[in-house]
Amino acid sequence: MDEPRTGAAQSAPHQDAEATPTYTIALVDDDRNILTSVSIGLQAEGFTTRVYADGATALRALLDNPPDLAVFDIKMPRMDGLELLQRLREKSALPVIFLTSKDEEPDEALGLAMGADDYITKPFSQRLLVARIRAILRRVEVARADKAAAAPDAPAAPQPELVRRGRLSMDPARHEVRWADKPVSLTVTEFLILEALATRPGVIRSRNQLMDCAYSDDTYVDDRTIDSHIKRLRRKFRAVDPTFSAIETLYGAGYSFAEG
């Protein structure tokens, strides 16, 4: 296969057997090896891809001809991923997933605060990336359905089931989380881990069980990855409530959610 050309759309070689929508994913990275491998992997899953080797070129294309979702690296010359996101958010709410390195935690936090929808740490599996993309696209479809249902002549839509535990409220359909009625912004993985804990308060979930809830089949993550997500969850909730202590640790066993 020829190397992807910057800005060129590449059609998926095949579609899944199910009648699913064809989504277009934009990839932005100065590493052409990553562009090629990720593009091929997404095409194999039924996506259409567009690839861009620098942020400035990508920004123009994302605004002029928006895809359904964009995935881009933080560390790029000329215009890095954070600047690209900042300028994109001035005019667009396009869903964005960051690709980061293990030592870029401050950039991850800043990116989420600026409006990124999720981030994935390199190295990553194609299966994990596809799972995150599909989760975000499902959220987008729910939001569109909500907007359509709000039209004057639209029939009343069924109310989604909420998870309510003490001061916690979770809306899985809209990926919304509130603590004591204050919004808390979570990534897809953080949301899934919290949901697994909150749906069975007081029950200890092992790290392996939380991995199964938050990651797709055959995706390998180690125990420290779950611990890192728990640490970020606690930090985000304590930002809105310094007394937050609902996520409890039982050393050697796992984590649980205290409803009080």
C-alpha atoms as a PDB file:
ATOM      1  CA  MET A   1       0.000   0.000   0.000  1.00  0.00           C
ATOM      2  CA  ASP A   2       1.298   3.457  -0.853  1.00  0.00           C
ATOM      3  CA  GLU A   3       2.110   5.795   1.983  1.00  0.00           C
ATOM      4  CA  PRO A   4      -0.964   7.880   2.903  1.00  0.00           C
ATOM      5  CA  ARG A   5      -0.900  11.302   1.331  1.00  0.00           C
ATOM      6  CA  THR A   6      -1.559  14.278   3.567  1.00  0.00           C
ATOM      7  CA  GLY A   7      -5.161  15.380   3.322  1.00  0.00           C
ATOM      8  CA  ALA A   8      -6.210  12.540   1.059  1.00  0.00           C
ATOM      9  CA  ALA A   9      -9.277  10.494   1.980  1.00  0.00           C
ATOM     10  CA  GLN A  10      -8.872   6.736   1.948  1.00  0.00           C
ATOM     11  CA  SER A  11     -11.900   4.513   1.613  1.00  0.00           C
ATOM     12  CA  ALA A  12     -12.358   1.449   3.752  1.00  0.00           C
ATOM     13  CA  PRO A  13     -11.598  -1.793   1.916  1.00  0.00           C
ATOM     14  CA  HIS A  14     -14.678  -3.450   3.324  1.00  0.00           C
ATOM     15  CA  GLN A  15     -17.645  -2.857   5.588  1.00  0.00           C
ATOM     16  CA  ASP A  16     -18.835  -4.894   8.529  1.00  0.00           C
ATOM     17  CA  ALA A  17     -21.608  -7.312   7.810  1.00  0.00           C
ATOM     18  CA  GLU A  18     -23.996  -5.241   9.942  1.00  0.00           C
ATOM     19  CA  ALA A  19     -25.646  -2.229   8.352  1.00  0.00           C
ATOM     20  CA  THR A  20     -23.676   0.354  10.312  1.00  0.00           C
ATOM     21  CA  PRO A  21     -23.004   3.961   9.294  1.00  0.00           C
ATOM     22  CA  THR A  22     -19.741   4.758   7.539  1.00  0.00           C
ATOM     23  CA  TYR A  23     -17.790   7.182   9.683  1.00  0.00           C
ATOM     24  CA  THR A  24     -14.832   9.290   8.611  1.00  0.00           C
ATOM     25  CA  ILE A  25     -11.878   9.530  10.980  1.00  0.00           C
ATOM     26  CA  ALA A  26      -9.134  12.135  10.575  1.00  0.00           C
ATOM     27  CA  LEU A  27      -5.635  11.171  11.746  1.00  0.00           C
ATOM     28  CA  VAL A  28      -3.052  13.845  12.488  1.00  0.00           C
ATOM     29  CA  ASP A  29       0.535  12.851  13.278  1.00  0.00           C
ATOM     30  CA  ASP A  30       3.960  13.804  11.986  1.00  0.00           C
ATOM     31  CA  ASP A  31       5.005  10.144  12.189  1.00  0.00           C
ATOM     32  CA  ARG A  32       4.016   8.655   8.845  1.00  0.00           C
ATOM     33  CA  ASN A  33       4.511   5.102  10.116  1.00  0.00           C
ATOM     34  CA  ILE A  34       1.802   5.701  12.708  1.00  0.00           C
ATOM     35  CA  LEU A  35      -0.421   7.346  10.116  1.00  0.00           C
ATOM     36  CA  THR A  36      -0.076   4.354   7.808  1.00  0.00           C
ATOM     37  CA  SER A  37      -0.576   1.622  10.405  1.00  0.00           C
ATOM     38  CA  VAL A  38      -3.491   3.298  12.188  1.00  0.00           C
ATOM     39  CA  SER A  39      -5.165   4.207   8.907  1.00  0.00           C
ATOM     40  CA  ILE A  40      -4.960   0.631   7.637  1.00  0.00           C
ATOM     41  CA  GLY A  41      -6.303  -0.672  10.955  1.00  0.00           C
ATOM     42  CA  LEU A  42      -9.284   1.689  10.951  1.00  0.00           C
ATOM     43  CA  GLN A  43     -10.084   0.941   7.337  1.00  0.00           C
ATOM     44  CA  ALA A  44     -10.156  -2.758   8.185  1.00  0.00           C
ATOM     45  CA  GLU A  45     -12.832  -1.923  10.775  1.00  0.00           C
ATOM     46  CA  GLY A  46     -15.030  -0.200   8.201  1.00  0.00           C
ATOM     47  CA  PHE A  47     -13.996   3.428   8.733  1.00  0.00           C
ATOM     48  CA  THR A  48     -12.998   5.927   6.073  1.00  0.00           C
ATOM     49  CA  THR A  49      -9.780   7.747   6.962  1.00  0.00           C
ATOM     50  CA  ARG A  50      -8.113  11.034   6.110  1.00  0.00           C
ATOM     51  CA  VAL A  51      -4.502  11.577   7.143  1.00  0.00           C
ATOM     52  CA  TYR A  52      -2.559  14.778   7.802  1.00  0.00           C
ATOM     53  CA  ALA A  53       1.126  15.064   8.677  1.00  0.00           C
ATOM     54  CA  ASP A  54       0.999  18.477  10.370  1.00  0.00           C
ATOM     55  CA  GLY A  55      -1.410  20.482  12.499  1.00  0.00           C
ATOM     56  CA  ALA A  56      -1.723  23.537  10.265  1.00  0.00           C
ATOM     57  CA  THR A  57      -2.833  21.515   7.244  1.00  0.00           C
ATOM     58  CA  ALA A  58      -5.151  19.470   9.424  1.00  0.00           C
ATOM     59  CA  LEU A  59      -6.820  22.530  10.957  1.00  0.00           C
ATOM     60  CA  ARG A  60      -7.872  23.897   7.585  1.00  0.00           C
ATOM     61  CA  ALA A  61      -9.216  20.522   6.484  1.00  0.00           C
ATOM     62  CA  LEU A  62     -11.037  19.799   9.753  1.00  0.00           C
ATOM     63  CA  LEU A  63     -12.877  23.100   9.514  1.00  0.00           C
ATOM     64  CA  ASP A  64     -13.534  23.062   5.761  1.00  0.00           C
ATOM     65  CA  ASN A  65     -14.614  19.421   5.526  1.00  0.00           C
ATOM     66  CA  PRO A  66     -15.230  18.045   9.021  1.00  0.00           C
ATOM     67  CA  PRO A  67     -14.882  14.296   9.610  1.00  0.00           C
ATOM     68  CA  ASP A  68     -16.899  12.500  12.289  1.00  0.00           C
ATOM     69  CA  LEU A  69     -13.957  12.321  14.696  1.00  0.00           C
ATOM     70  CA  ALA A  70     -10.275  13.243  14.812  1.00  0.00           C
ATOM     71  CA  VAL A  71      -7.305  11.455  16.400  1.00  0.00           C
ATOM     72  CA  PHE A  72      -4.096  13.391  16.753  1.00  0.00           C
ATOM     73  CA  ASP A  73      -0.746  13.377  18.462  1.00  0.00           C
ATOM     74  CA  ILE A  74       0.225  16.033  20.992  1.00  0.00           C
ATOM     75  CA  LYS A  75       3.890  16.354  20.030  1.00  0.00           C
ATOM     76  CA  MET A  76       4.076  17.756  16.491  1.00  0.00           C
ATOM     77  CA  PRO A  77       6.250  20.486  14.931  1.00  0.00           C
ATOM     78  CA  ARG A  78       4.862  23.839  13.753  1.00  0.00           C
ATOM     79  CA  MET A  79       1.478  23.386  15.445  1.00  0.00           C
ATOM     80  CA  ASP A  80       1.275  20.810  18.230  1.00  0.00           C
ATOM     81  CA  GLY A  81      -1.848  18.941  19.240  1.00  0.00           C
ATOM     82  CA  LEU A  82      -2.763  21.311  22.069  1.00  0.00           C
ATOM     83  CA  GLU A  83      -2.641  24.360  19.812  1.00  0.00           C
ATOM     84  CA  LEU A  84      -4.552  22.465  17.133  1.00  0.00           C
ATOM     85  CA  LEU A  85      -7.270  21.599  19.640  1.00  0.00           C
ATOM     86  CA  GLN A  86      -7.425  25.145  20.983  1.00  0.00           C
ATOM     87  CA  ARG A  87      -7.884  26.645  17.527  1.00  0.00           C
ATOM     88  CA  LEU A  88     -10.303  23.904  16.491  1.00  0.00           C
ATOM     89  CA  ARG A  89     -12.486  24.507  19.559  1.00  0.00           C
ATOM     90  CA  GLU A  90     -12.881  28.158  18.596  1.00  0.00           C
ATOM     91  CA  LYS A  91     -15.086  27.055  15.711  1.00  0.00           C
ATOM     92  CA  SER A  92     -15.936  23.364  16.095  1.00  0.00           C
ATOM     93  CA  ALA A  93     -17.129  20.767  18.622  1.00  0.00           C
ATOM     94  CA  LEU A  94     -15.623  17.920  16.582  1.00  0.00           C
ATOM     95  CA  PRO A  95     -14.881  14.885  18.824  1.00  0.00           C
ATOM     96  CA  VAL A  96     -11.139  14.530  19.427  1.00  0.00           C
ATOM     97  CA  ILE A  97      -8.944  11.761  20.871  1.00  0.00           C
ATOM     98  CA  PHE A  98      -5.365  12.598  21.854  1.00  0.00           C
ATOM     99  CA  LEU A  99      -2.414  10.258  21.440  1.00  0.00           C
ATOM    100  CA  THR A 100       0.068  10.873  24.240  1.00  0.00           C
ATOM    101  CA  SER A 101       3.262   9.428  25.667  1.00  0.00           C
ATOM    102  CA  LYS A 102       3.583   8.038  29.194  1.00  0.00           C
ATOM    103  CA  ASP A 103       5.409  11.142  30.431  1.00  0.00           C
ATOM    104  CA  GLU A 104       2.793  13.624  29.154  1.00  0.00           C
ATOM    105  CA  GLU A 105       0.257  13.552  32.025  1.00  0.00           C
ATOM    106  CA  PRO A 106       0.134  17.380  32.353  1.00  0.00           C
ATOM    107  CA  ASP A 107      -0.627  17.600  28.628  1.00  0.00           C
ATOM    108  CA  GLU A 108      -3.374  14.986  29.012  1.00  0.00           C
ATOM    109  CA  ALA A 109      -5.048  16.997  31.760  1.00  0.00           C
ATOM    110  CA  LEU A 110      -4.723  20.241  29.801  1.00  0.00           C
ATOM    111  CA  GLY A 111      -6.091  18.613  26.650  1.00  0.00           C
ATOM    112  CA  LEU A 112      -9.164  17.314  28.488  1.00  0.00           C
ATOM    113  CA  ALA A 113      -9.710  20.729  30.068  1.00  0.00           C
ATOM    114  CA  MET A 114      -9.526  22.311  26.620  1.00  0.00           C
ATOM    115  CA  GLY A 115     -12.214  20.005  25.266  1.00  0.00           C
ATOM    116  CA  ALA A 116     -10.610  16.754  24.139  1.00  0.00           C
ATOM    117  CA  ASP A 117     -12.998  13.813  24.467  1.00  0.00           C
ATOM    118  CA  ASP A 118     -10.437  11.184  25.435  1.00  0.00           C
ATOM    119  CA  TYR A 119      -6.762  10.282  25.254  1.00  0.00           C
ATOM    120  CA  ILE A 120      -4.805   7.086  24.627  1.00  0.00           C
ATOM    121  CA  THR A 121      -1.262   6.504  25.838  1.00  0.00           C
ATOM    122  CA  LYS A 122       1.330   5.177  23.410  1.00  0.00           C
ATOM    123  CA  PRO A 123       2.007   2.403  22.693  1.00  0.00           C
ATOM    124  CA  PHE A 124      -1.601   1.349  22.190  1.00  0.00           C
ATOM    125  CA  SER A 125      -3.492  -1.462  20.507  1.00  0.00           C
ATOM    126  CA  GLN A 126      -5.650  -0.921  17.442  1.00  0.00           C
ATOM    127  CA  ARG A 127      -8.480  -2.696  19.256  1.00  0.00           C
ATOM    128  CA  LEU A 128      -8.363  -0.175  22.102  1.00  0.00           C
ATOM    129  CA  LEU A 129      -8.384   2.776  19.708  1.00  0.00           C
ATOM    130  CA  VAL A 130     -11.351   1.356  17.788  1.00  0.00           C
ATOM    131  CA  ALA A 131     -13.249   0.754  21.049  1.00  0.00           C
ATOM    132  CA  ARG A 132     -12.679   4.362  22.170  1.00  0.00           C
ATOM    133  CA  ILE A 133     -13.698   5.734  18.763  1.00  0.00           C
ATOM    134  CA  ARG A 134     -16.906   3.727  18.716  1.00  0.00           C
ATOM    135  CA  ALA A 135     -17.778   4.723  22.278  1.00  0.00           C
ATOM    136  CA  ILE A 136     -17.430   8.423  21.448  1.00  0.00           C
ATOM    137  CA  LEU A 137     -19.368   8.078  18.190  1.00  0.00           C
ATOM    138  CA  ARG A 138     -22.199   6.400  20.106  1.00  0.00           C
ATOM    139  CA  ARG A 139     -22.303   9.429  22.394  1.00  0.00           C
ATOM    140  CA  VAL A 140     -22.470  11.710  19.371  1.00  0.00           C
ATOM    141  CA  GLU A 141     -25.388   9.736  17.943  1.00  0.00           C
ATOM    142  CA  VAL A 142     -27.228   9.928  21.273  1.00  0.00           C
ATOM    143  CA  ALA A 143     -26.726  13.700  21.340  1.00  0.00           C
ATOM    144  CA  ARG A 144     -28.078  13.997  17.799  1.00  0.00           C
ATOM    145  CA  ALA A 145     -31.076  11.872  18.709  1.00  0.00           C
ATOM    146  CA  ASP A 146     -31.728  14.071  21.743  1.00  0.00           C
ATOM    147  CA  LYS A 147     -31.626  17.165  19.544  1.00  0.00           C
ATOM    148  CA  ALA A 148     -34.029  15.598  17.055  1.00  0.00           C
ATOM    149  CA  ALA A 149     -36.347  14.516  19.867  1.00  0.00           C
ATOM    150  CA  ALA A 150     -36.438  18.112  21.127  1.00  0.00           C
ATOM    151  CA  ALA A 151     -37.981  19.291  17.851  1.00  0.00           C
ATOM    152  CA  PRO A 152     -41.559  20.594  18.268  1.00  0.00           C
ATOM    153  CA  ASP A 153     -43.202  17.772  16.302  1.00  0.00           C
ATOM    154  CA  ALA A 154     -40.947  14.955  17.546  1.00  0.00           C
ATOM    155  CA  PRO A 155     -42.510  12.138  19.617  1.00  0.00           C
ATOM    156  CA  ALA A 156     -41.464  11.940  23.248  1.00  0.00           C
ATOM    157  CA  ALA A 157     -38.265   9.918  23.626  1.00  0.00           C
ATOM    158  CA  PRO A 158     -37.844   7.390  26.468  1.00  0.00           C
ATOM    159  CA  GLN A 159     -35.797   8.696  29.368  1.00  0.00           C
ATOM    160  CA  PRO A 160     -32.361   7.041  29.688  1.00  0.00           C
ATOM    161  CA  GLU A 161     -31.628   5.083  32.832  1.00  0.00           C
ATOM    162  CA  LEU A 162     -29.492   7.013  35.287  1.00  0.00           C
ATOM    163  CA  VAL A 163     -27.110   5.657  37.894  1.00  0.00           C
ATOM    164  CA  ARG A 164     -27.688   7.457  41.197  1.00  0.00           C
ATOM    165  CA  ARG A 165     -25.571   6.641  44.214  1.00  0.00           C
ATOM    166  CA  GLY A 166     -25.636   9.181  47.024  1.00  0.00           C
ATOM    167  CA  ARG A 167     -24.258  12.430  45.608  1.00  0.00           C
ATOM    168  CA  LEU A 168     -23.216  10.710  42.365  1.00  0.00           C
ATOM    169  CA  SER A 169     -25.323  10.854  39.219  1.00  0.00           C
ATOM    170  CA  MET A 170     -24.271   9.146  35.979  1.00  0.00           C
ATOM    171  CA  ASP A 171     -26.008   9.252  32.610  1.00  0.00           C
ATOM    172  CA  PRO A 172     -24.454   6.495  30.450  1.00  0.00           C
ATOM    173  CA  ALA A 173     -26.334   7.556  27.312  1.00  0.00           C
ATOM    174  CA  ARG A 174     -24.947  11.080  27.411  1.00  0.00           C
ATOM    175  CA  HIS A 175     -21.664  10.274  29.167  1.00  0.00           C
ATOM    176  CA  GLU A 176     -22.479  12.855  31.826  1.00  0.00           C
ATOM    177  CA  VAL A 177     -21.332  12.676  35.439  1.00  0.00           C
ATOM    178  CA  ARG A 178     -22.283  14.944  38.328  1.00  0.00           C
ATOM    179  CA  TRP A 179     -21.238  14.952  41.966  1.00  0.00           C
ATOM    180  CA  ALA A 180     -23.447  16.943  44.343  1.00  0.00           C
ATOM    181  CA  ASP A 181     -24.948  18.425  41.162  1.00  0.00           C
ATOM    182  CA  LYS A 182     -21.555  19.631  39.924  1.00  0.00           C
ATOM    183  CA  PRO A 183     -20.332  18.333  36.537  1.00  0.00           C
ATOM    184  CA  VAL A 184     -17.249  16.107  36.428  1.00  0.00           C
ATOM    185  CA  SER A 185     -15.551  15.542  33.067  1.00  0.00           C
ATOM    186  CA  LEU A 186     -14.361  11.953  32.577  1.00  0.00           C
ATOM    187  CA  THR A 187     -12.746  10.066  29.732  1.00  0.00           C
ATOM    188  CA  VAL A 188     -14.518   7.022  28.315  1.00  0.00           C
ATOM    189  CA  THR A 189     -12.308   4.629  30.281  1.00  0.00           C
ATOM    190  CA  GLU A 190     -12.716   6.552  33.535  1.00  0.00           C
ATOM    191  CA  PHE A 191     -16.478   6.590  33.036  1.00  0.00           C
ATOM    192  CA  LEU A 192     -16.605   2.823  32.485  1.00  0.00           C
ATOM    193  CA  ILE A 193     -14.502   2.121  35.583  1.00  0.00           C
ATOM    194  CA  LEU A 194     -16.650   4.398  37.736  1.00  0.00           C
ATOM    195  CA  GLU A 195     -19.834   2.876  36.330  1.00  0.00           C
ATOM    196  CA  ALA A 196     -18.596  -0.629  37.163  1.00  0.00           C
ATOM    197  CA  LEU A 197     -17.960   0.442  40.758  1.00  0.00           C
ATOM    198  CA  ALA A 198     -21.091   2.552  41.254  1.00  0.00           C
ATOM    199  CA  THR A 199     -23.579   0.033  39.880  1.00  0.00           C
ATOM    200  CA  ARG A 200     -22.684  -2.316  42.762  1.00  0.00           C
ATOM    201  CA  PRO A 201     -21.811  -0.120  45.748  1.00  0.00           C
ATOM    202  CA  GLY A 202     -19.904  -1.849  48.507  1.00  0.00           C
ATOM    203  CA  VAL A 203     -18.847  -4.724  46.251  1.00  0.00           C
ATOM    204  CA  ILE A 204     -15.090  -5.030  45.787  1.00  0.00           C
ATOM    205  CA  ARG A 205     -14.019  -5.089  42.159  1.00  0.00           C
ATOM    206  CA  SER A 206     -10.595  -6.533  41.449  1.00  0.00           C
ATOM    207  CA  ARG A 207      -8.272  -4.836  38.999  1.00  0.00           C
ATOM    208  CA  ASN A 208      -8.887  -7.641  36.506  1.00  0.00           C
ATOM    209  CA  GLN A 209     -12.643  -7.136  36.766  1.00  0.00           C
ATOM    210  CA  LEU A 210     -12.257  -3.407  36.180  1.00  0.00           C
ATOM    211  CA  MET A 211     -10.032  -4.124  33.172  1.00  0.00           C
ATOM    212  CA  ASP A 212     -12.776  -6.332  31.725  1.00  0.00           C
ATOM    213  CA  CYS A 213     -15.332  -3.557  32.202  1.00  0.00           C
ATOM    214  CA  ALA A 214     -13.202  -0.765  30.741  1.00  0.00           C
ATOM    215  CA  TYR A 215     -11.245  -2.454  27.952  1.00  0.00           C
ATOM    216  CA  SER A 216     -12.220  -4.545  24.966  1.00  0.00           C
ATOM    217  CA  ASP A 217     -11.282  -8.216  24.619  1.00  0.00           C
ATOM    218  CA  ASP A 218      -7.607  -9.029  23.990  1.00  0.00           C
ATOM    219  CA  THR A 219      -6.440  -5.563  25.078  1.00  0.00           C
ATOM    220  CA  TYR A 220      -3.593  -5.935  27.549  1.00  0.00           C
ATOM    221  CA  VAL A 221      -3.147  -3.432  30.348  1.00  0.00           C
ATOM    222  CA  ASP A 222      -1.318  -3.997  33.613  1.00  0.00           C
ATOM    223  CA  ASP A 223      -2.468  -3.386  37.180  1.00  0.00           C
ATOM    224  CA  ARG A 224      -0.774  -0.009  37.326  1.00  0.00           C
ATOM    225  CA  THR A 225      -2.957   1.264  34.487  1.00  0.00           C
ATOM    226  CA  ILE A 226      -6.124   0.710  36.535  1.00  0.00           C
ATOM    227  CA  ASP A 227      -4.449   2.296  39.564  1.00  0.00           C
ATOM    228  CA  SER A 228      -3.605   5.354  37.447  1.00  0.00           C
ATOM    229  CA  HIS A 229      -7.210   5.688  36.302  1.00  0.00           C
ATOM    230  CA  ILE A 230      -8.443   5.436  39.893  1.00  0.00           C
ATOM    231  CA  LYS A 231      -5.962   8.131  40.920  1.00  0.00           C
ATOM    232  CA  ARG A 232      -7.244  10.421  38.152  1.00  0.00           C
ATOM    233  CA  LEU A 233     -10.872   9.728  39.095  1.00  0.00           C
ATOM    234  CA  ARG A 234     -10.232  10.707  42.690  1.00  0.00           C
ATOM    235  CA  ARG A 235      -8.360  13.835  41.630  1.00  0.00           C
ATOM    236  CA  LYS A 236     -11.199  14.957  39.346  1.00  0.00           C
ATOM    237  CA  PHE A 237     -13.877  14.434  41.980  1.00  0.00           C
ATOM    238  CA  ARG A 238     -11.797  16.161  44.655  1.00  0.00           C
ATOM    239  CA  ALA A 239     -11.506  19.150  42.343  1.00  0.00           C
ATOM    240  CA  VAL A 240     -15.257  19.693  42.851  1.00  0.00           C
ATOM    241  CA  ASP A 241     -15.411  18.268  46.391  1.00  0.00           C
ATOM    242  CA  PRO A 242     -12.194  18.130  48.456  1.00  0.00           C
ATOM    243  CA  THR A 243     -13.877  15.700  50.889  1.00  0.00           C
ATOM    244  CA  PHE A 244     -14.611  13.089  48.188  1.00  0.00           C
ATOM    245  CA  SER A 245     -13.825   9.583  49.456  1.00  0.00           C
ATOM    246  CA  ALA A 246     -16.411   7.401  47.728  1.00  0.00           C
ATOM    247  CA  ILE A 247     -13.847   5.264  45.875  1.00  0.00           C
ATOM    248  CA  GLU A 248     -12.302   3.022  48.484  1.00  0.00           C
ATOM    249  CA  THR A 249      -9.228   0.799  48.252  1.00  0.00           C
ATOM    250  CA  LEU A 250      -8.980  -2.648  49.818  1.00  0.00           C
ATOM    251  CA  TYR A 251      -5.279  -3.365  49.504  1.00  0.00           C
ATOM    252  CA  GLY A 252      -4.560  -6.630  47.768  1.00  0.00           C
ATOM    253  CA  ALA A 253      -8.187  -7.020  46.641  1.00  0.00           C
ATOM    254  CA  GLY A 254      -9.299  -4.045  44.571  1.00  0.00           C
ATOM    255  CA  TYR A 255     -11.663  -1.077  44.773  1.00  0.00           C
ATOM    256  CA  SER A 256     -15.251  -0.399  45.803  1.00  0.00           C
ATOM    257  CA  PHE A 257     -17.723   2.480  45.782  1.00  0.00           C
ATOM    258  CA  ALA A 258     -19.162   3.779  49.072  1.00  0.00           C
ATOM    259  CA  GLU A 259     -22.633   5.198  48.569  1.00  0.00           C
ATOM    260  CA  GLY A 260     -22.731   7.420  51.635  1.00  0.00           C
END
